[in-house]
């Protein structure tokens, strides 16, 4: 009886083993999908790294860091980039997020003449300044770096949007000191500007919207050129659209200082950040590809 029990138990175990093996062969084990917040690629889509990106940037005269304004990875990497570059290069910082007529207030904060509360009162700071840009400004303050307010005052971009470039002729000399020299060179056939007109669908504002964008780009290039110092690395922060595809600010800066060695970084968002999608290729020298499920800063 005992012998029959063990013989039956052995058969059951053998059957279970055969069923388990068959299940494993037919249904391979489920592997957890690799999760990551971001990946860095070259413009050609080759995997890169923060270290390689920093090394390349360190060899430049100017770097454009194109961000998605509410992207936390972009803001974190901006700070990491500046902190690392400061160890080997003399830096000048500049940003779209500060308009030229706020330069005095920004200078007074950097020099310690006013505090953060006064800066918030005197300058038109972006709503996400405290979380996303204050760390960069405070780094510049702590290290004694220049920080250039490169962007055109928004009211003049709105003026162009409503009344075209000729409306700028009526500005005072003081007001003209806050924008690129007139007349503004403008090429409507540049893909970035042509694309803006297409998006607007041919209405009247579609003709002036890219011109307002061009005024911003030309003004940022103007102030980068004015504050560039040979031997120093100018690090500029701007929305990705202002420097993607080597257009925008870069097109204007090349007309002013064609000998400068420039490196571009842009930020994109995808469902899968581990493989750069075709439409993101060649937008910049380095592409920071982030997960579209990231929690945004605003």
Protein backbone atom coordinates (compact mmCIF):
# COMPACT_ATOMS: atom_id res chain seq x y z
CA UNK A 1 0.00 0.00 0.00
CA UNK A 2 2.80 2.35 1.00
CA UNK A 3 4.72 1.48 -2.17
CA UNK A 4 1.63 2.26 -4.31
CA UNK A 5 1.26 5.69 -2.57
CA UNK A 6 4.82 6.76 -3.37
CA UNK A 7 4.48 5.51 -6.93
CA UNK A 8 1.31 7.60 -7.41
CA UNK A 9 2.97 10.66 -5.79
CA UNK A 10 5.91 10.34 -8.20
CA UNK A 11 3.55 10.21 -11.19
CA UNK A 12 1.72 13.37 -10.00
CA UNK A 13 5.00 15.19 -9.55
CA UNK A 14 6.14 14.12 -13.01
CA UNK A 15 2.90 15.33 -14.59
CA UNK A 16 3.17 18.67 -12.78
CA UNK A 17 6.76 19.06 -13.95
CA UNK A 18 5.81 18.35 -17.58
CA UNK A 19 2.92 20.84 -17.45
CA UNK A 20 5.15 23.49 -15.84
CA UNK A 21 7.85 23.00 -18.48
CA UNK A 22 5.32 23.22 -21.30
CA UNK A 23 3.86 26.42 -19.83
CA UNK A 24 7.31 27.98 -19.56
CA UNK A 25 8.12 27.12 -23.16
CA UNK A 26 4.83 28.44 -24.50
CA UNK A 27 4.67 31.50 -22.25
CA UNK A 28 8.09 33.07 -21.63
CA UNK A 29 8.37 34.96 -18.34
CA UNK A 30 7.13 38.55 -18.42
CA UNK A 31 10.00 41.00 -18.06
CA UNK A 32 9.45 44.34 -16.37
CA UNK A 33 9.75 47.24 -18.82
CA UNK A 34 12.78 49.39 -18.16
CA UNK A 35 11.71 52.69 -16.66
CA UNK A 36 13.63 55.94 -16.96
CA UNK A 37 12.76 59.61 -16.75
CA UNK A 38 15.02 60.64 -19.61
CA UNK A 39 17.76 59.65 -22.04
CA UNK A 40 20.29 61.78 -23.93
CA UNK A 41 21.01 61.32 -27.62
CA UNK A 42 23.17 62.97 -30.22
CA UNK A 43 21.27 64.74 -32.98
CA UNK A 44 21.70 61.63 -35.12
CA UNK A 45 19.96 59.48 -32.53
CA UNK A 46 22.99 57.81 -30.96
CA UNK A 47 22.81 57.24 -27.21
CA UNK A 48 24.93 59.71 -25.28
CA UNK A 49 25.32 60.81 -21.65
CA UNK A 50 25.40 63.89 -19.44
CA UNK A 51 29.18 63.58 -19.20
CA UNK A 52 29.68 63.48 -22.97
CA UNK A 53 27.32 66.39 -23.43
CA UNK A 54 29.17 68.50 -20.85
CA UNK A 55 32.52 67.66 -22.42
CA UNK A 56 31.31 68.77 -25.84
CA UNK A 57 29.74 71.95 -24.50
CA UNK A 58 32.94 72.85 -22.65
CA UNK A 59 34.71 73.14 -26.02
CA UNK A 60 32.24 75.75 -27.30
CA UNK A 61 31.96 79.53 -27.29
CA UNK A 62 28.18 79.55 -26.92
CA UNK A 63 25.73 76.86 -25.90
CA UNK A 64 21.98 77.09 -26.40
CA UNK A 65 19.97 75.03 -23.93
CA UNK A 66 16.50 74.71 -25.46
CA UNK A 67 14.00 73.73 -22.80
CA UNK A 68 10.37 72.81 -22.47
CA UNK A 69 9.49 75.50 -19.95
CA UNK A 70 7.70 73.22 -17.48
CA UNK A 71 9.99 70.20 -17.81
CA UNK A 72 11.70 69.29 -14.49
CA UNK A 73 14.47 67.22 -16.11
CA UNK A 74 15.50 70.13 -18.33
CA UNK A 75 15.72 72.48 -15.36
CA UNK A 76 17.68 69.98 -13.30
CA UNK A 77 20.14 69.38 -16.13
CA UNK A 78 20.55 73.12 -16.71
CA UNK A 79 21.83 73.52 -13.18
CA UNK A 80 24.03 70.42 -13.40
CA UNK A 81 25.49 71.67 -16.67
CA UNK A 82 26.34 75.12 -15.29
CA UNK A 83 27.77 73.73 -12.06
CA UNK A 84 30.04 71.32 -13.97
CA UNK A 85 31.12 73.84 -16.61
CA UNK A 86 32.04 76.38 -13.94
CA UNK A 87 34.78 74.04 -12.74
CA UNK A 88 36.71 74.33 -16.01
CA UNK A 89 35.43 77.41 -17.86
CA UNK A 90 34.71 81.07 -17.20
CA UNK A 91 30.99 81.50 -17.79
CA UNK A 92 28.48 84.15 -18.78
CA UNK A 93 24.83 83.20 -18.39
CA UNK A 94 21.86 84.58 -20.28
CA UNK A 95 18.20 83.73 -20.64
CA UNK A 96 15.04 84.34 -22.60
CA UNK A 97 13.21 84.45 -19.27
CA UNK A 98 14.56 87.93 -18.50
CA UNK A 99 13.67 90.94 -20.65
CA UNK A 100 16.29 93.54 -21.49
CA UNK A 101 14.67 96.41 -19.60
CA UNK A 102 14.93 94.32 -16.40
CA UNK A 103 18.72 94.07 -16.65
CA UNK A 104 19.30 96.79 -14.04
CA UNK A 105 17.11 95.04 -11.47
CA UNK A 106 18.82 91.73 -12.20
CA UNK A 107 22.26 93.34 -11.85
CA UNK A 108 21.28 94.89 -8.53
CA UNK A 109 20.18 91.50 -7.23
CA UNK A 110 23.36 89.80 -8.39
CA UNK A 111 25.48 92.46 -6.70
CA UNK A 112 23.52 92.27 -3.45
CA UNK A 113 21.98 95.75 -3.67
CA UNK A 114 18.47 94.33 -3.53
CA UNK A 115 17.02 91.08 -2.18
CA UNK A 116 14.89 88.43 -3.84
CA UNK A 117 11.64 90.11 -2.78
CA UNK A 118 12.71 93.39 -4.39
CA UNK A 119 13.74 91.57 -7.57
CA UNK A 120 10.28 90.02 -7.73
CA UNK A 121 8.79 93.51 -7.43
CA UNK A 122 11.07 95.31 -9.89
CA UNK A 123 11.45 92.65 -12.60
CA UNK A 124 8.78 90.79 -14.57
CA UNK A 125 9.66 87.31 -13.36
CA UNK A 126 8.04 84.26 -14.90
CA UNK A 127 5.48 82.42 -12.71
CA UNK A 128 7.86 79.44 -12.41
CA UNK A 129 10.89 81.60 -11.57
CA UNK A 130 11.29 80.42 -7.97
CA UNK A 131 11.34 76.72 -8.83
CA UNK A 132 12.99 76.72 -12.27
CA UNK A 133 15.22 79.79 -12.76
CA UNK A 134 16.07 81.13 -9.30
CA UNK A 135 18.62 78.30 -8.77
CA UNK A 136 20.53 79.46 -11.88
CA UNK A 137 20.38 83.12 -10.90
CA UNK A 138 21.46 82.33 -7.35
CA UNK A 139 24.36 80.24 -8.67
CA UNK A 140 25.47 83.22 -10.75
CA UNK A 141 25.15 85.45 -7.70
CA UNK A 142 27.17 83.11 -5.48
CA UNK A 143 29.94 82.71 -8.09
CA UNK A 144 30.04 86.32 -9.25
CA UNK A 145 28.91 85.53 -12.81
CA UNK A 146 27.19 87.87 -15.23
CA UNK A 147 23.61 87.00 -16.06
CA UNK A 148 22.27 88.70 -19.18
CA UNK A 149 18.61 89.54 -19.72
CA UNK A 150 18.50 88.83 -23.45
CA UNK A 151 14.84 88.88 -24.42
CA UNK A 152 12.89 91.76 -25.93
CA UNK A 153 10.32 93.34 -23.60
CA UNK A 154 7.11 91.50 -24.36
CA UNK A 155 5.18 94.68 -25.13
CA UNK A 156 7.33 95.31 -28.22
CA UNK A 157 6.80 91.78 -29.53
CA UNK A 158 3.06 92.35 -29.05
CA UNK A 159 3.40 95.64 -30.92
CA UNK A 160 4.93 93.85 -33.91
CA UNK A 161 2.25 91.17 -33.74
CA UNK A 162 -0.47 93.83 -33.94
CA UNK A 163 1.11 96.40 -36.27
CA UNK A 164 4.15 94.81 -37.98
CA UNK A 165 7.81 95.85 -37.83
CA UNK A 166 7.22 99.48 -38.83
CA UNK A 167 5.56 100.11 -35.46
CA UNK A 168 9.02 99.89 -33.86
CA UNK A 169 10.14 103.06 -35.65
CA UNK A 170 8.08 105.17 -33.25
CA UNK A 171 9.95 103.93 -30.15
CA UNK A 172 12.17 106.30 -28.19
CA UNK A 173 15.94 105.85 -28.26
CA UNK A 174 15.78 104.40 -24.75
CA UNK A 175 13.20 101.87 -25.84
CA UNK A 176 15.23 100.98 -28.93
CA UNK A 177 18.18 100.14 -26.67
CA UNK A 178 16.17 97.17 -25.41
CA UNK A 179 15.70 95.57 -28.84
CA UNK A 180 17.93 94.48 -31.73
CA UNK A 181 19.05 97.36 -34.01
CA UNK A 182 16.48 98.41 -36.59
CA UNK A 183 15.54 97.47 -39.22
CA UNK A 184 15.05 93.85 -38.17
CA UNK A 185 16.35 91.40 -40.77
CA UNK A 186 13.64 88.84 -41.48
CA UNK A 187 13.54 85.78 -43.72
CA UNK A 188 9.95 84.46 -43.95
CA UNK A 189 11.17 81.34 -45.77
CA UNK A 190 13.06 79.97 -42.75
CA UNK A 191 11.22 76.73 -41.92
CA UNK A 192 10.52 77.75 -38.33
CA UNK A 193 8.85 81.01 -39.30
CA UNK A 194 7.10 79.53 -42.33
CA UNK A 195 5.75 76.79 -40.10
CA UNK A 196 4.26 79.32 -37.70
CA UNK A 197 2.28 80.91 -40.53
CA UNK A 198 0.97 77.49 -41.58
CA UNK A 199 -0.15 76.71 -38.03
CA UNK A 200 -2.17 79.93 -37.87
CA UNK A 201 -4.05 79.05 -41.06
CA UNK A 202 -3.49 82.14 -43.17
CA UNK A 203 -5.29 84.77 -41.06
CA UNK A 204 -3.80 88.28 -40.79
CA UNK A 205 -1.98 87.55 -37.49
CA UNK A 206 -0.27 84.63 -39.22
CA UNK A 207 1.83 87.16 -41.15
CA UNK A 208 2.95 89.05 -38.06
CA UNK A 209 3.25 86.21 -35.52
CA UNK A 210 6.55 84.89 -36.97
CA UNK A 211 7.77 88.50 -37.19
CA UNK A 212 7.17 88.91 -33.46
CA UNK A 213 9.10 85.67 -32.96
CA UNK A 214 11.89 86.98 -35.18
CA UNK A 215 12.10 90.15 -33.08
CA UNK A 216 12.65 87.98 -30.00
CA UNK A 217 15.27 85.85 -31.77
CA UNK A 218 17.10 88.85 -33.22
CA UNK A 219 17.11 90.63 -29.85
CA UNK A 220 18.43 87.60 -27.98
CA UNK A 221 21.19 87.17 -30.57
CA UNK A 222 22.01 90.88 -30.29
CA UNK A 223 22.48 90.75 -26.53
CA UNK A 224 24.42 87.48 -26.64
CA UNK A 225 26.81 89.06 -29.15
CA UNK A 226 27.05 92.27 -27.10
CA UNK A 227 27.99 90.39 -23.93
CA UNK A 228 30.11 87.64 -25.42
CA UNK A 229 33.71 87.73 -24.20
CA UNK A 230 36.41 85.78 -26.06
CA UNK A 231 37.64 82.91 -23.91
CA UNK A 232 34.41 82.72 -21.94
CA UNK A 233 31.56 80.31 -22.52
CA UNK A 234 28.16 81.93 -22.91
CA UNK A 235 25.39 79.60 -21.69
CA UNK A 236 21.96 80.65 -22.93
CA UNK A 237 18.63 79.26 -21.74
CA UNK A 238 15.62 79.54 -24.02
CA UNK A 239 12.51 77.75 -25.16
CA UNK A 240 13.40 74.91 -27.51
CA UNK A 241 11.64 76.53 -30.48
CA UNK A 242 14.06 79.49 -30.40
CA UNK A 243 17.08 77.33 -31.24
CA UNK A 244 15.81 74.04 -32.70
CA UNK A 245 17.03 73.03 -36.13
CA UNK A 246 19.82 75.63 -35.80
CA UNK A 247 17.38 78.42 -36.61
CA UNK A 248 15.93 81.25 -34.56
CA UNK A 249 18.54 82.88 -32.33
CA UNK A 250 21.33 80.88 -33.97
CA UNK A 251 20.49 82.17 -37.46
CA UNK A 252 20.79 85.74 -36.22
CA UNK A 253 23.90 85.16 -34.10
CA UNK A 254 25.73 83.58 -37.04
CA UNK A 255 25.13 86.78 -38.99
CA UNK A 256 26.71 88.80 -36.16
CA UNK A 257 29.56 86.53 -35.07
CA UNK A 258 29.96 83.76 -37.66
CA UNK A 259 33.25 82.54 -36.18
CA UNK A 260 31.70 81.41 -32.89
CA UNK A 261 31.67 77.72 -32.09
CA UNK A 262 28.13 76.89 -31.01
CA UNK A 263 26.61 73.80 -29.43
CA UNK A 264 22.87 73.23 -29.18
CA UNK A 265 20.79 71.21 -26.75
CA UNK A 266 17.07 70.68 -27.06
CA UNK A 267 14.40 68.95 -24.98
CA UNK A 268 11.64 66.70 -26.29
CA UNK A 269 8.96 64.53 -24.72
CA UNK A 270 7.96 61.00 -25.82
CA UNK A 271 6.00 57.99 -24.59
CA UNK A 272 9.23 55.97 -24.75
CA UNK A 273 12.30 58.08 -23.94
CA UNK A 274 14.70 55.21 -24.64
CA UNK A 275 14.50 55.47 -28.43
CA UNK A 276 14.48 58.80 -30.21
CA UNK A 277 11.62 59.11 -32.66
CA UNK A 278 12.41 60.01 -36.26
CA UNK A 279 10.87 63.48 -36.13
CA UNK A 280 13.16 64.43 -33.24
CA UNK A 281 16.38 63.70 -35.14
CA UNK A 282 18.80 66.51 -36.05
CA UNK A 283 16.99 69.13 -34.00
CA UNK A 284 20.17 69.88 -32.07
CA UNK A 285 23.63 68.55 -31.28
CA UNK A 286 22.16 66.87 -28.19
CA UNK A 287 18.55 65.87 -27.57
CA UNK A 288 17.27 65.34 -24.04
CA UNK A 289 14.38 62.92 -24.46
CA UNK A 290 12.05 62.84 -21.46
CA UNK A 291 9.13 60.64 -20.50
CA UNK A 292 5.84 62.33 -21.38
CA UNK A 293 4.41 61.16 -18.05
CA UNK A 294 6.77 63.38 -16.06
CA UNK A 295 5.12 65.63 -13.51
CA UNK A 296 5.54 69.18 -14.84
CA UNK A 297 6.64 72.19 -12.80
CA UNK A 298 3.43 74.05 -13.61
